[in-house]
Amino acid sequence: MKKTPLGILIAFLLSTVGISGTAMASKENEKGLPTWHIDLQLKPYQPKISKNAAKQDFYNLMYGESEPLMTTFSTHHYLWDGFGLLGVGGSVGYWKTTGKTRICTDENDNTSPCDGLPGSSEEERAAQTALVADSTEGNSSTQLMVVPVSLEVVYRLDYLNREWDIPLDAYAQFGLDYNFWWATTEGSIAERSQTNEDGTTDTTRGKGATPGMNASVGFMLDLSFLEPVTASRGRKNGIAASYFFFEWNWAFGDGFKQPNRLDMSSSGWSLGLGMDFL
């Protein structure tokens, strides 16, 4: 059965809700510390695409230099609560940008959709860069969708909150990613055909995946002080606390230097809301 980005996201959400429900149903642990955490995160995102200037310029012409928001849902299970909290978990995100196809015109005034190929030699690369720079906007819409899936390890320093009731935690996180992506034109997977010197034709479809890794550091503000009575009632029902968080993250999504991979690398800030369960 064909899996869509929305289907992957829904499956992940349902499995996580089931896990979290089990955590809430369990009796409060003896220390009163959280055992599970879920959060929803928003961050501006634009993939690096390639180290090749022609490919990057082609992307910027089609989609612009804006940074649409990526939405990410995460869950972590804390395995150790000695000095701080150490946990493992995962996340899945969804991001989409839209633009218009580009029409290139060659020296004979023939027009065709630009393919953004950089060429294999310096002359071909220079010619392709000039061709893309002089291209015009087409009538067809195009989209690039990215669904990053990550397995993560997180350490959370909750000493101030635990010992002094100061509602501020710091955390650091590291993960291994697999970035699924799809490029579509008018709703269908984009395709590009190239004729070889021997007369054969190679067709490349606009979809794939790029492995990588991520790291982030951030701060979490415990919101219990805003509504202490509601927070106390929540703890009786298995909800330890809710948080607002801000972080800086790095995504290294170049396929670990593998060739011919779409580079999903980026860095920047993100913010979101999270919840702990006892």
C-alpha atoms as a PDB file:
ATOM      1  CA  MET A   1       0.000   0.000   0.000  1.00  0.00           C
ATOM      2  CA  LYS A   2       1.312   3.451  -0.932  1.00  0.00           C
ATOM      3  CA  LYS A   3       2.291   5.559   2.079  1.00  0.00           C
ATOM      4  CA  THR A   4       1.749   9.303   1.930  1.00  0.00           C
ATOM      5  CA  PRO A   5       3.351  11.940   4.210  1.00  0.00           C
ATOM      6  CA  LEU A   6      -0.049  12.497   5.850  1.00  0.00           C
ATOM      7  CA  GLY A   7      -0.481   8.771   6.426  1.00  0.00           C
ATOM      8  CA  ILE A   8       2.952   8.511   8.062  1.00  0.00           C
ATOM      9  CA  LEU A   9       2.144  11.473  10.304  1.00  0.00           C
ATOM     10  CA  ILE A  10      -1.269  10.110  11.345  1.00  0.00           C
ATOM     11  CA  ALA A  11       0.172   6.659  12.141  1.00  0.00           C
ATOM     12  CA  PHE A  12       2.906   8.225  14.253  1.00  0.00           C
ATOM     13  CA  LEU A  13       0.410  10.419  16.137  1.00  0.00           C
ATOM     14  CA  LEU A  14      -1.963   7.541  16.867  1.00  0.00           C
ATOM     15  CA  SER A  15       0.808   5.287  18.171  1.00  0.00           C
ATOM     16  CA  THR A  16       2.151   8.079  20.364  1.00  0.00           C
ATOM     17  CA  VAL A  17      -1.262   8.959  21.793  1.00  0.00           C
ATOM     18  CA  GLY A  18      -1.733   5.303  22.714  1.00  0.00           C
ATOM     19  CA  ILE A  19       1.631   5.164  24.461  1.00  0.00           C
ATOM     20  CA  SER A  20       1.015   8.415  26.326  1.00  0.00           C
ATOM     21  CA  GLY A  21      -2.426   7.234  27.394  1.00  0.00           C
ATOM     22  CA  THR A  22      -0.819   4.198  29.010  1.00  0.00           C
ATOM     23  CA  ALA A  23       1.613   6.463  30.840  1.00  0.00           C
ATOM     24  CA  MET A  24      -1.204   8.637  32.175  1.00  0.00           C
ATOM     25  CA  ALA A  25      -3.178   5.638  33.286  1.00  0.00           C
ATOM     26  CA  SER A  26      -0.306   4.292  35.344  1.00  0.00           C
ATOM     27  CA  LYS A  27       0.016   5.365  38.954  1.00  0.00           C
ATOM     28  CA  GLU A  28       2.281   8.263  39.794  1.00  0.00           C
ATOM     29  CA  ASN A  29       5.895   7.233  40.292  1.00  0.00           C
ATOM     30  CA  GLU A  30       7.386   7.519  43.753  1.00  0.00           C
ATOM     31  CA  LYS A  31       9.572  10.546  42.996  1.00  0.00           C
ATOM     32  CA  GLY A  32       6.799  12.429  41.246  1.00  0.00           C
ATOM     33  CA  LEU A  33       9.066  12.914  38.220  1.00  0.00           C
ATOM     34  CA  PRO A  34       7.926  12.694  34.593  1.00  0.00           C
ATOM     35  CA  THR A  35       8.401   9.454  32.670  1.00  0.00           C
ATOM     36  CA  TRP A  36       6.986  10.565  29.307  1.00  0.00           C
ATOM     37  CA  HIS A  37       7.072  13.768  27.299  1.00  0.00           C
ATOM     38  CA  ILE A  38       5.320  14.904  24.108  1.00  0.00           C
ATOM     39  CA  ASP A  39       5.608  18.212  22.263  1.00  0.00           C
ATOM     40  CA  LEU A  40       4.564  20.084  19.141  1.00  0.00           C
ATOM     41  CA  GLN A  41       7.203  22.308  17.542  1.00  0.00           C
ATOM     42  CA  LEU A  42       7.228  24.996  14.850  1.00  0.00           C
ATOM     43  CA  LYS A  43      10.325  26.234  13.065  1.00  0.00           C
ATOM     44  CA  PRO A  44      11.201  28.191   9.903  1.00  0.00           C
ATOM     45  CA  TYR A  45      12.909  25.838   7.467  1.00  0.00           C
ATOM     46  CA  GLN A  46      14.645  25.968   4.117  1.00  0.00           C
ATOM     47  CA  PRO A  47      16.812  23.027   2.986  1.00  0.00           C
ATOM     48  CA  LYS A  48      20.301  23.693   1.698  1.00  0.00           C
ATOM     49  CA  ILE A  49      19.516  21.572  -1.418  1.00  0.00           C
ATOM     50  CA  SER A  50      23.098  21.372  -2.751  1.00  0.00           C
ATOM     51  CA  LYS A  51      26.600  22.766  -2.530  1.00  0.00           C
ATOM     52  CA  ASN A  52      26.340  23.330  -6.280  1.00  0.00           C
ATOM     53  CA  ALA A  53      25.468  26.990  -6.974  1.00  0.00           C
ATOM     54  CA  ALA A  54      23.437  26.190 -10.114  1.00  0.00           C
ATOM     55  CA  LYS A  55      21.162  23.787  -8.238  1.00  0.00           C
ATOM     56  CA  GLN A  56      20.746  26.228  -5.348  1.00  0.00           C
ATOM     57  CA  ASP A  57      19.942  29.112  -7.724  1.00  0.00           C
ATOM     58  CA  PHE A  58      17.418  26.915  -9.532  1.00  0.00           C
ATOM     59  CA  TYR A  59      15.685  26.119  -6.223  1.00  0.00           C
ATOM     60  CA  ASN A  60      15.598  29.816  -5.230  1.00  0.00           C
ATOM     61  CA  LEU A  61      14.076  30.775  -8.591  1.00  0.00           C
ATOM     62  CA  MET A  62      11.326  28.168  -8.261  1.00  0.00           C
ATOM     63  CA  TYR A  63      10.494  28.468  -4.577  1.00  0.00           C
ATOM     64  CA  GLY A  64      12.011  31.764  -3.453  1.00  0.00           C
ATOM     65  CA  GLU A  65      14.160  32.345  -0.381  1.00  0.00           C
ATOM     66  CA  SER A  66      11.345  32.300   2.181  1.00  0.00           C
ATOM     67  CA  GLU A  67      11.343  29.820   5.075  1.00  0.00           C
ATOM     68  CA  PRO A  68       7.909  28.183   5.484  1.00  0.00           C
ATOM     69  CA  LEU A  69       7.174  26.673   8.897  1.00  0.00           C
ATOM     70  CA  MET A  70       7.912  23.019   9.569  1.00  0.00           C
ATOM     71  CA  THR A  71       5.629  21.273  12.079  1.00  0.00           C
ATOM     72  CA  THR A  72       7.215  18.523  14.192  1.00  0.00           C
ATOM     73  CA  PHE A  73       5.643  16.152  16.715  1.00  0.00           C
ATOM     74  CA  SER A  74       7.972  14.462  19.230  1.00  0.00           C
ATOM     75  CA  THR A  75       7.767  12.003  22.098  1.00  0.00           C
ATOM     76  CA  HIS A  76      10.419  10.916  24.619  1.00  0.00           C
ATOM     77  CA  HIS A  77      10.490   8.263  27.327  1.00  0.00           C
ATOM     78  CA  TYR A  78      12.795   8.996  30.277  1.00  0.00           C
ATOM     79  CA  LEU A  79      14.877   6.007  31.334  1.00  0.00           C
ATOM     80  CA  TRP A  80      17.035   7.632  34.042  1.00  0.00           C
ATOM     81  CA  ASP A  81      16.239  10.387  36.552  1.00  0.00           C
ATOM     82  CA  GLY A  82      19.370  10.612  38.689  1.00  0.00           C
ATOM     83  CA  PHE A  83      20.805  14.076  38.070  1.00  0.00           C
ATOM     84  CA  GLY A  84      18.427  15.362  35.446  1.00  0.00           C
ATOM     85  CA  LEU A  85      16.449  13.221  33.007  1.00  0.00           C
ATOM     86  CA  LEU A  86      17.871  11.029  30.262  1.00  0.00           C
ATOM     87  CA  GLY A  87      15.528   9.689  27.641  1.00  0.00           C
ATOM     88  CA  VAL A  88      15.038   8.257  24.174  1.00  0.00           C
ATOM     89  CA  GLY A  89      12.306   8.876  21.656  1.00  0.00           C
ATOM     90  CA  GLY A  90      11.437   9.955  18.168  1.00  0.00           C
ATOM     91  CA  SER A  91       9.859  12.645  16.061  1.00  0.00           C
ATOM     92  CA  VAL A  92       8.192  13.160  12.703  1.00  0.00           C
ATOM     93  CA  GLY A  93       7.806  16.459  10.860  1.00  0.00           C
ATOM     94  CA  TYR A  94       6.034  17.861   7.835  1.00  0.00           C
ATOM     95  CA  TRP A  95       7.076  20.758   5.599  1.00  0.00           C
ATOM     96  CA  LYS A  96       5.951  22.025   2.210  1.00  0.00           C
ATOM     97  CA  THR A  97       6.890  24.882  -0.086  1.00  0.00           C
ATOM     98  CA  THR A  98       5.203  25.884  -3.345  1.00  0.00           C
ATOM     99  CA  GLY A  99       6.307  27.733  -6.443  1.00  0.00           C
ATOM    100  CA  LYS A 100       6.101  27.858 -10.234  1.00  0.00           C
ATOM    101  CA  THR A 101       8.004  25.835 -12.818  1.00  0.00           C
ATOM    102  CA  ARG A 102      10.653  27.649 -14.874  1.00  0.00           C
ATOM    103  CA  ILE A 103      10.832  27.860 -18.682  1.00  0.00           C
ATOM    104  CA  CYS A 104      14.301  27.948 -20.242  1.00  0.00           C
ATOM    105  CA  THR A 105      15.097  29.274 -23.750  1.00  0.00           C
ATOM    106  CA  ASP A 106      18.155  27.993 -25.642  1.00  0.00           C
ATOM    107  CA  GLU A 107      20.280  29.800 -28.257  1.00  0.00           C
ATOM    108  CA  ASN A 108      17.810  28.764 -30.978  1.00  0.00           C
ATOM    109  CA  ASP A 109      14.879  30.295 -29.068  1.00  0.00           C
ATOM    110  CA  ASN A 110      13.468  26.862 -28.290  1.00  0.00           C
ATOM    111  CA  THR A 111      11.654  26.723 -24.938  1.00  0.00           C
ATOM    112  CA  SER A 112      11.429  23.810 -22.524  1.00  0.00           C
ATOM    113  CA  PRO A 113      10.957  23.294 -18.769  1.00  0.00           C
ATOM    114  CA  CYS A 114      14.226  23.909 -16.905  1.00  0.00           C
ATOM    115  CA  ASP A 115      15.600  20.811 -15.206  1.00  0.00           C
ATOM    116  CA  GLY A 116      18.233  22.465 -13.008  1.00  0.00           C
ATOM    117  CA  LEU A 117      20.966  20.034 -14.045  1.00  0.00           C
ATOM    118  CA  PRO A 118      24.388  21.578 -13.323  1.00  0.00           C
ATOM    119  CA  GLY A 119      26.332  19.757 -16.055  1.00  0.00           C
ATOM    120  CA  SER A 120      29.446  17.616 -15.725  1.00  0.00           C
ATOM    121  CA  SER A 121      32.053  20.121 -16.953  1.00  0.00           C
ATOM    122  CA  GLU A 122      32.869  23.736 -16.095  1.00  0.00           C
ATOM    123  CA  GLU A 123      31.511  24.918 -19.490  1.00  0.00           C
ATOM    124  CA  GLU A 124      28.275  22.992 -19.045  1.00  0.00           C
ATOM    125  CA  ARG A 125      27.867  24.326 -15.523  1.00  0.00           C
ATOM    126  CA  ALA A 126      28.429  27.917 -16.699  1.00  0.00           C
ATOM    127  CA  ALA A 127      25.988  27.454 -19.578  1.00  0.00           C
ATOM    128  CA  GLN A 128      23.329  25.930 -17.312  1.00  0.00           C
ATOM    129  CA  THR A 129      23.728  28.710 -14.733  1.00  0.00           C
ATOM    130  CA  ALA A 130      23.230  31.349 -17.450  1.00  0.00           C
ATOM    131  CA  LEU A 131      20.251  29.451 -18.894  1.00  0.00           C
ATOM    132  CA  VAL A 132      18.516  29.219 -15.499  1.00  0.00           C
ATOM    133  CA  ALA A 133      19.255  32.876 -14.693  1.00  0.00           C
ATOM    134  CA  ASP A 134      17.492  33.951 -17.911  1.00  0.00           C
ATOM    135  CA  SER A 135      14.522  31.612 -17.433  1.00  0.00           C
ATOM    136  CA  THR A 136      10.939  32.826 -17.076  1.00  0.00           C
ATOM    137  CA  GLU A 137       8.155  31.697 -14.783  1.00  0.00           C
ATOM    138  CA  GLY A 138       5.940  28.917 -16.132  1.00  0.00           C
ATOM    139  CA  ASN A 139       2.211  28.354 -15.628  1.00  0.00           C
ATOM    140  CA  SER A 140       2.435  25.035 -13.754  1.00  0.00           C
ATOM    141  CA  SER A 141       2.560  24.901  -9.968  1.00  0.00           C
ATOM    142  CA  THR A 142       5.238  22.854  -8.221  1.00  0.00           C
ATOM    143  CA  GLN A 143       5.681  21.698  -4.648  1.00  0.00           C
ATOM    144  CA  LEU A 144       8.489  20.266  -2.557  1.00  0.00           C
ATOM    145  CA  MET A 145       7.416  18.256   0.506  1.00  0.00           C
ATOM    146  CA  VAL A 146       9.739  16.968   3.227  1.00  0.00           C
ATOM    147  CA  VAL A 147       8.911  14.498   6.015  1.00  0.00           C
ATOM    148  CA  PRO A 148      11.860  14.046   8.418  1.00  0.00           C
ATOM    149  CA  VAL A 149      11.698  11.049  10.774  1.00  0.00           C
ATOM    150  CA  SER A 150      14.150  10.957  13.677  1.00  0.00           C
ATOM    151  CA  LEU A 151      15.316   8.670  16.506  1.00  0.00           C
ATOM    152  CA  GLU A 152      16.618  10.782  19.386  1.00  0.00           C
ATOM    153  CA  VAL A 153      18.466  10.828  22.706  1.00  0.00           C
ATOM    154  CA  VAL A 154      17.718  13.740  25.045  1.00  0.00           C
ATOM    155  CA  TYR A 155      19.236  14.945  28.316  1.00  0.00           C
ATOM    156  CA  ARG A 156      17.244  17.412  30.409  1.00  0.00           C
ATOM    157  CA  LEU A 157      18.675  19.320  33.365  1.00  0.00           C
ATOM    158  CA  ASP A 158      15.704  19.881  35.685  1.00  0.00           C
ATOM    159  CA  TYR A 159      17.671  20.599  38.885  1.00  0.00           C
ATOM    160  CA  LEU A 160      16.351  24.146  39.383  1.00  0.00           C
ATOM    161  CA  ASN A 161      12.757  23.010  39.014  1.00  0.00           C
ATOM    162  CA  ARG A 162      13.224  19.841  41.063  1.00  0.00           C
ATOM    163  CA  GLU A 163      15.131  21.307  44.017  1.00  0.00           C
ATOM    164  CA  TRP A 164      14.246  25.012  44.058  1.00  0.00           C
ATOM    165  CA  ASP A 165      10.881  25.266  42.296  1.00  0.00           C
ATOM    166  CA  ILE A 166      12.409  27.567  39.670  1.00  0.00           C
ATOM    167  CA  PRO A 167      10.354  26.671  36.560  1.00  0.00           C
ATOM    168  CA  LEU A 168      13.188  26.488  34.056  1.00  0.00           C
ATOM    169  CA  ASP A 169      14.831  23.418  32.529  1.00  0.00           C
ATOM    170  CA  ALA A 170      17.687  23.230  30.025  1.00  0.00           C
ATOM    171  CA  TYR A 171      18.133  20.371  27.578  1.00  0.00           C
ATOM    172  CA  ALA A 172      20.315  18.997  24.811  1.00  0.00           C
ATOM    173  CA  GLN A 173      19.278  16.523  22.131  1.00  0.00           C
ATOM    174  CA  PHE A 174      20.905  14.406  19.428  1.00  0.00           C
ATOM    175  CA  GLY A 175      19.199  12.344  16.755  1.00  0.00           C
ATOM    176  CA  LEU A 176      19.597  10.305  13.581  1.00  0.00           C
ATOM    177  CA  ASP A 177      17.306  11.380  10.727  1.00  0.00           C
ATOM    178  CA  TYR A 178      15.822  10.042   7.526  1.00  0.00           C
ATOM    179  CA  ASN A 179      14.392  12.843   5.390  1.00  0.00           C
ATOM    180  CA  PHE A 180      11.747  11.659   2.908  1.00  0.00           C
ATOM    181  CA  TRP A 181      10.991  14.133   0.113  1.00  0.00           C
ATOM    182  CA  TRP A 182       8.674  14.507  -2.867  1.00  0.00           C
ATOM    183  CA  ALA A 183       8.738  17.045  -5.704  1.00  0.00           C
ATOM    184  CA  THR A 184       5.449  17.391  -7.583  1.00  0.00           C
ATOM    185  CA  THR A 185       4.180  19.325 -10.609  1.00  0.00           C
ATOM    186  CA  GLU A 186       0.434  19.952 -10.780  1.00  0.00           C
ATOM    187  CA  GLY A 187      -0.068  17.319  -8.070  1.00  0.00           C
ATOM    188  CA  SER A 188       1.896  14.514  -9.771  1.00  0.00           C
ATOM    189  CA  ILE A 189       5.426  13.335  -8.998  1.00  0.00           C
ATOM    190  CA  ALA A 190       7.796  15.364 -11.183  1.00  0.00           C
ATOM    191  CA  GLU A 191       9.776  13.443 -13.815  1.00  0.00           C
ATOM    192  CA  ARG A 192      12.832  14.322 -15.862  1.00  0.00           C
ATOM    193  CA  SER A 193      14.050  12.392 -18.919  1.00  0.00           C
ATOM    194  CA  GLN A 194      17.590  12.568 -20.260  1.00  0.00           C
ATOM    195  CA  THR A 195      18.825  11.061 -23.541  1.00  0.00           C
ATOM    196  CA  ASN A 196      22.262   9.476 -23.350  1.00  0.00           C
ATOM    197  CA  GLU A 197      24.905   9.448 -26.074  1.00  0.00           C
ATOM    198  CA  ASP A 198      24.026   5.828 -26.950  1.00  0.00           C
ATOM    199  CA  GLY A 199      20.405   6.803 -27.598  1.00  0.00           C
ATOM    200  CA  THR A 200      18.948   5.333 -24.408  1.00  0.00           C
ATOM    201  CA  THR A 201      16.758   7.434 -22.146  1.00  0.00           C
ATOM    202  CA  ASP A 202      16.999   7.701 -18.356  1.00  0.00           C
ATOM    203  CA  THR A 203      13.972   8.911 -16.399  1.00  0.00           C
ATOM    204  CA  THR A 204      14.375  10.310 -12.897  1.00  0.00           C
ATOM    205  CA  ARG A 205      11.356  10.706 -10.608  1.00  0.00           C
ATOM    206  CA  GLY A 206      11.166  13.536  -8.105  1.00  0.00           C
ATOM    207  CA  LYS A 207      11.187  11.606  -4.851  1.00  0.00           C
ATOM    208  CA  GLY A 208      13.765  10.133  -2.527  1.00  0.00           C
ATOM    209  CA  ALA A 209      15.210  10.204   0.977  1.00  0.00           C
ATOM    210  CA  THR A 210      18.357  11.569   2.588  1.00  0.00           C
ATOM    211  CA  PRO A 211      19.853  10.265   5.859  1.00  0.00           C
ATOM    212  CA  GLY A 212      21.427  12.649   8.336  1.00  0.00           C
ATOM    213  CA  MET A 213      21.579  13.690  11.962  1.00  0.00           C
ATOM    214  CA  ASN A 214      20.440  16.564  14.155  1.00  0.00           C
ATOM    215  CA  ALA A 215      21.396  18.331  17.371  1.00  0.00           C
ATOM    216  CA  SER A 216      19.668  20.956  19.463  1.00  0.00           C
ATOM    217  CA  VAL A 217      19.910  22.868  22.745  1.00  0.00           C
ATOM    218  CA  GLY A 218      17.091  24.735  24.417  1.00  0.00           C
ATOM    219  CA  PHE A 219      15.190  25.922  27.478  1.00  0.00           C
ATOM    220  CA  MET A 220      11.786  24.854  28.807  1.00  0.00           C
ATOM    221  CA  LEU A 221       9.536  27.071  30.937  1.00  0.00           C
ATOM    222  CA  ASP A 222       7.203  25.151  33.279  1.00  0.00           C
ATOM    223  CA  LEU A 223       3.790  26.836  32.970  1.00  0.00           C
ATOM    224  CA  SER A 224       2.398  25.441  36.237  1.00  0.00           C
ATOM    225  CA  PHE A 225       2.905  28.786  38.000  1.00  0.00           C
ATOM    226  CA  LEU A 226       0.271  30.389  35.755  1.00  0.00           C
ATOM    227  CA  GLU A 227      -2.518  28.118  37.050  1.00  0.00           C
ATOM    228  CA  PRO A 228      -1.293  26.292  40.210  1.00  0.00           C
ATOM    229  CA  VAL A 229      -4.721  24.794  41.005  1.00  0.00           C
ATOM    230  CA  THR A 230      -5.170  23.428  37.493  1.00  0.00           C
ATOM    231  CA  ALA A 231      -1.603  22.087  37.538  1.00  0.00           C
ATOM    232  CA  SER A 232      -2.244  20.292  40.853  1.00  0.00           C
ATOM    233  CA  ARG A 233      -5.429  18.769  39.473  1.00  0.00           C
ATOM    234  CA  GLY A 234      -3.539  17.648  36.391  1.00  0.00           C
ATOM    235  CA  ARG A 235      -0.927  15.808  38.453  1.00  0.00           C
ATOM    236  CA  LYS A 236      -3.695  13.757  40.059  1.00  0.00           C
ATOM    237  CA  ASN A 237      -4.639  12.652  36.544  1.00  0.00           C
ATOM    238  CA  GLY A 238      -1.088  11.778  35.492  1.00  0.00           C
ATOM    239  CA  ILE A 239      -0.100  15.053  33.825  1.00  0.00           C
ATOM    240  CA  ALA A 240       3.127  16.296  35.423  1.00  0.00           C
ATOM    241  CA  ALA A 241       3.338  19.730  33.768  1.00  0.00           C
ATOM    242  CA  SER A 242       3.038  21.677  30.539  1.00  0.00           C
ATOM    243  CA  TYR A 243       5.879  23.691  29.023  1.00  0.00           C
ATOM    244  CA  PHE A 244       6.723  26.414  26.570  1.00  0.00           C
ATOM    245  CA  PHE A 245      10.147  25.826  24.994  1.00  0.00           C
ATOM    246  CA  PHE A 246      12.612  27.596  22.756  1.00  0.00           C
ATOM    247  CA  GLU A 247      15.598  25.931  21.089  1.00  0.00           C
ATOM    248  CA  TRP A 248      18.350  26.315  18.515  1.00  0.00           C
ATOM    249  CA  ASN A 249      18.798  23.329  16.241  1.00  0.00           C
ATOM    250  CA  TRP A 250      21.166  22.050  13.595  1.00  0.00           C
ATOM    251  CA  ALA A 251      20.214  19.509  10.922  1.00  0.00           C
ATOM    252  CA  PHE A 252      23.038  17.827   8.999  1.00  0.00           C
ATOM    253  CA  GLY A 253      21.110  16.236   6.145  1.00  0.00           C
ATOM    254  CA  ASP A 254      23.629  15.710   3.340  1.00  0.00           C
ATOM    255  CA  GLY A 255      23.428  11.908   3.366  1.00  0.00           C
ATOM    256  CA  PHE A 256      26.765  11.696   5.217  1.00  0.00           C
ATOM    257  CA  LYS A 257      28.551  13.063   2.136  1.00  0.00           C
ATOM    258  CA  GLN A 258      26.906  10.597  -0.253  1.00  0.00           C
ATOM    259  CA  PRO A 259      26.777  11.916  -3.852  1.00  0.00           C
ATOM    260  CA  ASN A 260      23.550  12.771  -5.673  1.00  0.00           C
ATOM    261  CA  ARG A 261      21.558  13.315  -2.488  1.00  0.00           C
ATOM    262  CA  LEU A 262      19.241  16.263  -1.936  1.00  0.00           C
ATOM    263  CA  ASP A 263      20.839  18.188   0.948  1.00  0.00           C
ATOM    264  CA  MET A 264      18.313  18.765   3.746  1.00  0.00           C
ATOM    265  CA  SER A 265      20.734  20.583   6.041  1.00  0.00           C
ATOM    266  CA  SER A 266      19.582  23.688   7.917  1.00  0.00           C
ATOM    267  CA  SER A 267      19.958  25.514  11.227  1.00  0.00           C
ATOM    268  CA  GLY A 268      17.787  27.941  13.151  1.00  0.00           C
ATOM    269  CA  TRP A 269      15.407  28.509  16.012  1.00  0.00           C
ATOM    270  CA  SER A 270      12.194  26.754  16.922  1.00  0.00           C
ATOM    271  CA  LEU A 271       9.542  27.039  19.608  1.00  0.00           C
ATOM    272  CA  GLY A 272       6.641  24.975  20.813  1.00  0.00           C
ATOM    273  CA  LEU A 273       4.520  23.521  23.600  1.00  0.00           C
ATOM    274  CA  GLY A 274       5.179  20.308  25.457  1.00  0.00           C
ATOM    275  CA  MET A 275       3.615  18.150  28.155  1.00  0.00           C
ATOM    276  CA  ASP A 276       5.065  15.736  30.731  1.00  0.00           C
ATOM    277  CA  PHE A 277       3.312  12.636  32.053  1.00  0.00           C
ATOM    278  CA  LEU A 278       3.976  10.851  35.328  1.00  0.00           C
END
